[in-house]
Amino acid sequence: GRIVPFLKWNTFIFCSVGLFITSYIIIKNFI
């Protein structure tokens, strides 16, 4: 709620990178 106004469109890049890293960690360590 505080950093989205600063990230603006870059929020989508954050989501993309965050989801990609999460999927990599999950499949490597759990799946």
ModelCIF file with pLDDT and N, C-alpha, C, O atoms, coordinates in Angstrom:
data_MODEL
#
_entry.id   MODEL 
#
_entity.id                         1 
_entity.type                       polymer 
_entity.pdbx_number_of_molecules   1 
#
_entity_poly.entity_id                      1 
_entity_poly.type                           'polypeptide(L)' 
_entity_poly.nstd_linkage                   no 
_entity_poly.nstd_monomer                   no 
_entity_poly.pdbx_seq_one_letter_code       GRIVPFLKWNTFIFCSVGLFITSYIIIKNFI 
_entity_poly.pdbx_seq_one_letter_code_can   GRIVPFLKWNTFIFCSVGLFITSYIIIKNFI 
_entity_poly.pdbx_strand_id                 A 
#
loop_
_entity_poly_seq.entity_id 
_entity_poly_seq.num 
_entity_poly_seq.mon_id 
_entity_poly_seq.hetero 
1 1  GLY n 
1 2  ARG n 
1 3  ILE n 
1 4  VAL n 
1 5  PRO n 
1 6  PHE n 
1 7  LEU n 
1 8  LYS n 
1 9  TRP n 
1 10 ASN n 
1 11 THR n 
1 12 PHE n 
1 13 ILE n 
1 14 PHE n 
1 15 CYS n 
1 16 SER n 
1 17 VAL n 
1 18 GLY n 
1 19 LEU n 
1 20 PHE n 
1 21 ILE n 
1 22 THR n 
1 23 SER n 
1 24 TYR n 
1 25 ILE n 
1 26 ILE n 
1 27 ILE n 
1 28 LYS n 
1 29 ASN n 
1 30 PHE n 
1 31 ILE n 
#
_struct_asym.id          A 
_struct_asym.entity_id   1 
#
loop_
_ma_qa_metric.id 
_ma_qa_metric.mode 
_ma_qa_metric.name 
_ma_qa_metric.software_group_id 
_ma_qa_metric.type 
1 global pLDDT . pLDDT 
2 local  pLDDT . pLDDT 
#
_ma_qa_metric_global.metric_id      1 
_ma_qa_metric_global.metric_value   80.10 
_ma_qa_metric_global.model_id       1 
_ma_qa_metric_global.ordinal_id     1 
#
loop_
_ma_qa_metric_local.label_asym_id 
_ma_qa_metric_local.label_comp_id 
_ma_qa_metric_local.label_seq_id 
_ma_qa_metric_local.metric_id 
_ma_qa_metric_local.metric_value 
_ma_qa_metric_local.model_id 
_ma_qa_metric_local.ordinal_id 
A GLY 1  2 65.00 1 1  
A ARG 2  2 68.00 1 2  
A ILE 3  2 79.00 1 3  
A VAL 4  2 74.00 1 4  
A PRO 5  2 74.00 1 5  
A PHE 6  2 80.00 1 6  
A LEU 7  2 81.00 1 7  
A LYS 8  2 82.00 1 8  
A TRP 9  2 86.00 1 9  
A ASN 10 2 88.00 1 10 
A THR 11 2 85.00 1 11 
A PHE 12 2 86.00 1 12 
A ILE 13 2 89.00 1 13 
A PHE 14 2 88.00 1 14 
A CYS 15 2 87.00 1 15 
A SER 16 2 88.00 1 16 
A VAL 17 2 89.00 1 17 
A GLY 18 2 88.00 1 18 
A LEU 19 2 85.00 1 19 
A PHE 20 2 86.00 1 20 
A ILE 21 2 88.00 1 21 
A THR 22 2 81.00 1 22 
A SER 23 2 79.00 1 23 
A TYR 24 2 80.00 1 24 
A ILE 25 2 81.00 1 25 
A ILE 26 2 76.00 1 26 
A ILE 27 2 75.00 1 27 
A LYS 28 2 73.00 1 28 
A ASN 29 2 71.00 1 29 
A PHE 30 2 66.00 1 30 
A ILE 31 2 65.00 1 31 
#
loop_
_atom_site.group_PDB 
_atom_site.id 
_atom_site.type_symbol 
_atom_site.label_atom_id 
_atom_site.label_alt_id 
_atom_site.label_comp_id 
_atom_site.label_asym_id 
_atom_site.label_entity_id 
_atom_site.label_seq_id 
_atom_site.pdbx_PDB_ins_code 
_atom_site.Cartn_x 
_atom_site.Cartn_y 
_atom_site.Cartn_z 
_atom_site.occupancy 
_atom_site.B_iso_or_equiv 
_atom_site.pdbx_formal_charge 
_atom_site.auth_seq_id 
_atom_site.auth_comp_id 
_atom_site.auth_asym_id 
_atom_site.auth_atom_id 
_atom_site.pdbx_PDB_model_num 
ATOM 1   N N  . GLY A 1 1  ? 0.807  -1.204  0.000   1.00 65.00 ? 1  GLY A N  1 
ATOM 2   C CA . GLY A 1 1  ? 0.000  0.000   0.000   1.00 65.00 ? 1  GLY A CA 1 
ATOM 3   C C  . GLY A 1 1  ? 0.848  1.265   0.000   1.00 65.00 ? 1  GLY A C  1 
ATOM 4   O O  . GLY A 1 1  ? 0.400  2.327   -0.432  1.00 65.00 ? 1  GLY A O  1 
ATOM 5   N N  . ARG A 1 2  ? 2.074  1.138   0.489   1.00 68.00 ? 2  ARG A N  1 
ATOM 6   C CA . ARG A 1 2  ? 2.994  2.277   0.560   1.00 68.00 ? 2  ARG A CA 1 
ATOM 7   C C  . ARG A 1 2  ? 3.989  2.339   -0.593  1.00 68.00 ? 2  ARG A C  1 
ATOM 8   O O  . ARG A 1 2  ? 4.440  3.424   -0.959  1.00 68.00 ? 2  ARG A O  1 
ATOM 9   N N  . ILE A 1 3  ? 4.334  1.197   -1.166  1.00 79.00 ? 3  ILE A N  1 
ATOM 10  C CA . ILE A 1 3  ? 5.368  1.223   -2.208  1.00 79.00 ? 3  ILE A CA 1 
ATOM 11  C C  . ILE A 1 3  ? 4.819  1.125   -3.633  1.00 79.00 ? 3  ILE A C  1 
ATOM 12  O O  . ILE A 1 3  ? 5.532  1.444   -4.585  1.00 79.00 ? 3  ILE A O  1 
ATOM 13  N N  . VAL A 1 4  ? 3.557  0.689   -3.799  1.00 74.00 ? 4  VAL A N  1 
ATOM 14  C CA . VAL A 1 4  ? 2.980  0.608   -5.142  1.00 74.00 ? 4  VAL A CA 1 
ATOM 15  C C  . VAL A 1 4  ? 2.978  1.967   -5.850  1.00 74.00 ? 4  VAL A C  1 
ATOM 16  O O  . VAL A 1 4  ? 3.286  2.014   -7.041  1.00 74.00 ? 4  VAL A O  1 
ATOM 17  N N  . PRO A 1 5  ? 2.639  3.099   -5.160  1.00 74.00 ? 5  PRO A N  1 
ATOM 18  C CA . PRO A 1 5  ? 2.704  4.394   -5.850  1.00 74.00 ? 5  PRO A CA 1 
ATOM 19  C C  . PRO A 1 5  ? 4.106  4.744   -6.353  1.00 74.00 ? 5  PRO A C  1 
ATOM 20  O O  . PRO A 1 5  ? 4.244  5.531   -7.290  1.00 74.00 ? 5  PRO A O  1 
ATOM 21  N N  . PHE A 1 6  ? 5.139  4.173   -5.746  1.00 80.00 ? 6  PHE A N  1 
ATOM 22  C CA . PHE A 1 6  ? 6.506  4.409   -6.205  1.00 80.00 ? 6  PHE A CA 1 
ATOM 23  C C  . PHE A 1 6  ? 6.887  3.431   -7.326  1.00 80.00 ? 6  PHE A C  1 
ATOM 24  O O  . PHE A 1 6  ? 7.578  3.797   -8.276  1.00 80.00 ? 6  PHE A O  1 
ATOM 25  N N  . LEU A 1 7  ? 6.424  2.185   -7.196  1.00 81.00 ? 7  LEU A N  1 
ATOM 26  C CA . LEU A 1 7  ? 6.721  1.179   -8.218  1.00 81.00 ? 7  LEU A CA 1 
ATOM 27  C C  . LEU A 1 7  ? 5.942  1.428   -9.508  1.00 81.00 ? 7  LEU A C  1 
ATOM 28  O O  . LEU A 1 7  ? 6.468  1.252   -10.607 1.00 81.00 ? 7  LEU A O  1 
ATOM 29  N N  . LYS A 1 8  ? 4.681  1.840   -9.358  1.00 82.00 ? 8  LYS A N  1 
ATOM 30  C CA . LYS A 1 8  ? 3.788  2.087   -10.493 1.00 82.00 ? 8  LYS A CA 1 
ATOM 31  C C  . LYS A 1 8  ? 3.735  0.861   -11.409 1.00 82.00 ? 8  LYS A C  1 
ATOM 32  O O  . LYS A 1 8  ? 3.404  -0.235  -10.957 1.00 82.00 ? 8  LYS A O  1 
ATOM 33  N N  . TRP A 1 9  ? 4.061  1.043   -12.706 1.00 86.00 ? 9  TRP A N  1 
ATOM 34  C CA . TRP A 1 9  ? 4.003  -0.082  -13.641 1.00 86.00 ? 9  TRP A CA 1 
ATOM 35  C C  . TRP A 1 9  ? 5.015  -1.165  -13.303 1.00 86.00 ? 9  TRP A C  1 
ATOM 36  O O  . TRP A 1 9  ? 4.841  -2.324  -13.678 1.00 86.00 ? 9  TRP A O  1 
ATOM 37  N N  . ASN A 1 10 ? 6.070  -0.786  -12.594 1.00 88.00 ? 10 ASN A N  1 
ATOM 38  C CA . ASN A 1 10 ? 7.102  -1.766  -12.219 1.00 88.00 ? 10 ASN A CA 1 
ATOM 39  C C  . ASN A 1 10 ? 6.574  -2.815  -11.242 1.00 88.00 ? 10 ASN A C  1 
ATOM 40  O O  . ASN A 1 10 ? 7.227  -3.831  -11.001 1.00 88.00 ? 10 ASN A O  1 
ATOM 41  N N  . THR A 1 11 ? 5.389  -2.564  -10.683 1.00 85.00 ? 11 THR A N  1 
ATOM 42  C CA . THR A 1 11 ? 4.758  -3.559  -9.818  1.00 85.00 ? 11 THR A CA 1 
ATOM 43  C C  . THR A 1 11 ? 4.557  -4.873  -10.562 1.00 85.00 ? 11 THR A C  1 
ATOM 44  O O  . THR A 1 11 ? 4.706  -5.949  -9.982  1.00 85.00 ? 11 THR A O  1 
ATOM 45  N N  . PHE A 1 12 ? 4.215  -4.785  -11.859 1.00 86.00 ? 12 PHE A N  1 
ATOM 46  C CA . PHE A 1 12 ? 4.024  -5.997  -12.661 1.00 86.00 ? 12 PHE A CA 1 
ATOM 47  C C  . PHE A 1 12 ? 5.336  -6.763  -12.828 1.00 86.00 ? 12 PHE A C  1 
ATOM 48  O O  . PHE A 1 12 ? 5.354  -7.994  -12.824 1.00 86.00 ? 12 PHE A O  1 
ATOM 49  N N  . ILE A 1 13 ? 6.427  -6.020  -12.976 1.00 89.00 ? 13 ILE A N  1 
ATOM 50  C CA . ILE A 1 13 ? 7.738  -6.671  -13.081 1.00 89.00 ? 13 ILE A CA 1 
ATOM 51  C C  . ILE A 1 13 ? 8.077  -7.359  -11.769 1.00 89.00 ? 13 ILE A C  1 
ATOM 52  O O  . ILE A 1 13 ? 8.613  -8.467  -11.764 1.00 89.00 ? 13 ILE A O  1 
ATOM 53  N N  . PHE A 1 14 ? 7.760  -6.693  -10.639 1.00 88.00 ? 14 PHE A N  1 
ATOM 54  C CA . PHE A 1 14 ? 7.974  -7.314  -9.331  1.00 88.00 ? 14 PHE A CA 1 
ATOM 55  C C  . PHE A 1 14 ? 7.170  -8.606  -9.207  1.00 88.00 ? 14 PHE A C  1 
ATOM 56  O O  . PHE A 1 14 ? 7.695  -9.628  -8.764  1.00 88.00 ? 14 PHE A O  1 
ATOM 57  N N  . CYS A 1 15 ? 5.894  -8.560  -9.599  1.00 87.00 ? 15 CYS A N  1 
ATOM 58  C CA . CYS A 1 15 ? 5.050  -9.764  -9.548  1.00 87.00 ? 15 CYS A CA 1 
ATOM 59  C C  . CYS A 1 15 ? 5.636  -10.871 -10.416 1.00 87.00 ? 15 CYS A C  1 
ATOM 60  O O  . CYS A 1 15 ? 5.707  -12.026 -9.998  1.00 87.00 ? 15 CYS A O  1 
ATOM 61  N N  . SER A 1 16 ? 6.051  -10.513 -11.618 1.00 88.00 ? 16 SER A N  1 
ATOM 62  C CA . SER A 1 16 ? 6.589  -11.499 -12.552 1.00 88.00 ? 16 SER A CA 1 
ATOM 63  C C  . SER A 1 16 ? 7.836  -12.178 -11.998 1.00 88.00 ? 16 SER A C  1 
ATOM 64  O O  . SER A 1 16 ? 7.930  -13.405 -11.977 1.00 88.00 ? 16 SER A O  1 
ATOM 65  N N  . VAL A 1 17 ? 8.792  -11.368 -11.552 1.00 89.00 ? 17 VAL A N  1 
ATOM 66  C CA . VAL A 1 17 ? 10.039 -11.912 -11.017 1.00 89.00 ? 17 VAL A CA 1 
ATOM 67  C C  . VAL A 1 17 ? 9.773  -12.724 -9.749  1.00 89.00 ? 17 VAL A C  1 
ATOM 68  O O  . VAL A 1 17 ? 10.347 -13.797 -9.562  1.00 89.00 ? 17 VAL A O  1 
ATOM 69  N N  . GLY A 1 18 ? 8.899  -12.205 -8.877  1.00 88.00 ? 18 GLY A N  1 
ATOM 70  C CA . GLY A 1 18 ? 8.578  -12.897 -7.628  1.00 88.00 ? 18 GLY A CA 1 
ATOM 71  C C  . GLY A 1 18 ? 7.941  -14.256 -7.866  1.00 88.00 ? 18 GLY A C  1 
ATOM 72  O O  . GLY A 1 18 ? 8.294  -15.235 -7.209  1.00 88.00 ? 18 GLY A O  1 
ATOM 73  N N  . LEU A 1 19 ? 6.995  -14.318 -8.815  1.00 85.00 ? 19 LEU A N  1 
ATOM 74  C CA . LEU A 1 19 ? 6.336  -15.587 -9.122  1.00 85.00 ? 19 LEU A CA 1 
ATOM 75  C C  . LEU A 1 19 ? 7.297  -16.578 -9.771  1.00 85.00 ? 19 LEU A C  1 
ATOM 76  O O  . LEU A 1 19 ? 7.266  -17.772 -9.473  1.00 85.00 ? 19 LEU A O  1 
ATOM 77  N N  . PHE A 1 20 ? 8.155  -16.070 -10.664 1.00 86.00 ? 20 PHE A N  1 
ATOM 78  C CA . PHE A 1 20 ? 9.108  -16.956 -11.340 1.00 86.00 ? 20 PHE A CA 1 
ATOM 79  C C  . PHE A 1 20 ? 10.100 -17.556 -10.348 1.00 86.00 ? 20 PHE A C  1 
ATOM 80  O O  . PHE A 1 20 ? 10.381 -18.754 -10.391 1.00 86.00 ? 20 PHE A O  1 
ATOM 81  N N  . ILE A 1 21 ? 10.627 -16.721 -9.457  1.00 88.00 ? 21 ILE A N  1 
ATOM 82  C CA . ILE A 1 21 ? 11.574 -17.214 -8.446  1.00 88.00 ? 21 ILE A CA 1 
ATOM 83  C C  . ILE A 1 21 ? 10.892 -18.205 -7.512  1.00 88.00 ? 21 ILE A C  1 
ATOM 84  O O  . ILE A 1 21 ? 11.471 -19.231 -7.154  1.00 88.00 ? 21 ILE A O  1 
ATOM 85  N N  . THR A 1 22 ? 9.649  -17.891 -7.116  1.00 81.00 ? 22 THR A N  1 
ATOM 86  C CA . THR A 1 22 ? 8.899  -18.790 -6.228  1.00 81.00 ? 22 THR A CA 1 
ATOM 87  C C  . THR A 1 22 ? 8.678  -20.144 -6.884  1.00 81.00 ? 22 THR A C  1 
ATOM 88  O O  . THR A 1 22 ? 8.862  -21.181 -6.245  1.00 81.00 ? 22 THR A O  1 
ATOM 89  N N  . SER A 1 23 ? 8.283  -20.144 -8.162  1.00 79.00 ? 23 SER A N  1 
ATOM 90  C CA . SER A 1 23 ? 8.050  -21.411 -8.867  1.00 79.00 ? 23 SER A CA 1 
ATOM 91  C C  . SER A 1 23 ? 9.332  -22.231 -8.962  1.00 79.00 ? 23 SER A C  1 
ATOM 92  O O  . SER A 1 23 ? 9.302  -23.456 -8.839  1.00 79.00 ? 23 SER A O  1 
ATOM 93  N N  . TYR A 1 24 ? 10.451 -21.558 -9.179  1.00 80.00 ? 24 TYR A N  1 
ATOM 94  C CA . TYR A 1 24 ? 11.740 -22.254 -9.271  1.00 80.00 ? 24 TYR A CA 1 
ATOM 95  C C  . TYR A 1 24 ? 12.097 -22.900 -7.925  1.00 80.00 ? 24 TYR A C  1 
ATOM 96  O O  . TYR A 1 24 ? 12.514 -24.057 -7.880  1.00 80.00 ? 24 TYR A O  1 
ATOM 97  N N  . ILE A 1 25 ? 11.932 -22.148 -6.837  1.00 81.00 ? 25 ILE A N  1 
ATOM 98  C CA . ILE A 1 25 ? 12.257 -22.664 -5.503  1.00 81.00 ? 25 ILE A CA 1 
ATOM 99  C C  . ILE A 1 25 ? 11.355 -23.844 -5.137  1.00 81.00 ? 25 ILE A C  1 
ATOM 100 O O  . ILE A 1 25 ? 11.818 -24.842 -4.585  1.00 81.00 ? 25 ILE A O  1 
ATOM 101 N N  . ILE A 1 26 ? 10.070 -23.719 -5.448  1.00 76.00 ? 26 ILE A N  1 
ATOM 102 C CA . ILE A 1 26 ? 9.110  -24.770 -5.103  1.00 76.00 ? 26 ILE A CA 1 
ATOM 103 C C  . ILE A 1 26 ? 9.421  -26.061 -5.848  1.00 76.00 ? 26 ILE A C  1 
ATOM 104 O O  . ILE A 1 26 ? 9.450  -27.138 -5.252  1.00 76.00 ? 26 ILE A O  1 
ATOM 105 N N  . ILE A 1 27 ? 9.653  -25.949 -7.155  1.00 75.00 ? 27 ILE A N  1 
ATOM 106 C CA . ILE A 1 27 ? 9.894  -27.174 -7.934  1.00 75.00 ? 27 ILE A CA 1 
ATOM 107 C C  . ILE A 1 27 ? 11.241 -27.792 -7.588  1.00 75.00 ? 27 ILE A C  1 
ATOM 108 O O  . ILE A 1 27 ? 11.389 -29.012 -7.658  1.00 75.00 ? 27 ILE A O  1 
ATOM 109 N N  . LYS A 1 28 ? 12.223 -26.982 -7.217  1.00 73.00 ? 28 LYS A N  1 
ATOM 110 C CA . LYS A 1 28 ? 13.559 -27.498 -6.901  1.00 73.00 ? 28 LYS A CA 1 
ATOM 111 C C  . LYS A 1 28 ? 13.596 -28.180 -5.533  1.00 73.00 ? 28 LYS A C  1 
ATOM 112 O O  . LYS A 1 28 ? 14.276 -29.190 -5.357  1.00 73.00 ? 28 LYS A O  1 
ATOM 113 N N  . ASN A 1 29 ? 12.860 -27.623 -4.564  1.00 71.00 ? 29 ASN A N  1 
ATOM 114 C CA . ASN A 1 29 ? 12.958 -28.099 -3.184  1.00 71.00 ? 29 ASN A CA 1 
ATOM 115 C C  . ASN A 1 29 ? 11.796 -28.972 -2.719  1.00 71.00 ? 29 ASN A C  1 
ATOM 116 O O  . ASN A 1 29 ? 11.934 -29.709 -1.742  1.00 71.00 ? 29 ASN A O  1 
ATOM 117 N N  . PHE A 1 30 ? 10.644 -28.900 -3.407  1.00 66.00 ? 30 PHE A N  1 
ATOM 118 C CA . PHE A 1 30 ? 9.466  -29.605 -2.897  1.00 66.00 ? 30 PHE A CA 1 
ATOM 119 C C  . PHE A 1 30 ? 8.806  -30.550 -3.897  1.00 66.00 ? 30 PHE A C  1 
ATOM 120 O O  . PHE A 1 30 ? 8.376  -31.642 -3.524  1.00 66.00 ? 30 PHE A O  1 
ATOM 121 N N  . ILE A 1 31 ? 8.722  -30.144 -5.159  1.00 65.00 ? 31 ILE A N  1 
ATOM 122 C CA . ILE A 1 31 ? 7.908  -30.894 -6.115  1.00 65.00 ? 31 ILE A CA 1 
ATOM 123 C C  . ILE A 1 31 ? 8.678  -32.000 -6.807  1.00 65.00 ? 31 ILE A C  1 
ATOM 124 O O  . ILE A 1 31 ? 8.119  -32.715 -7.639  1.00 65.00 ? 31 ILE A O  1 
#
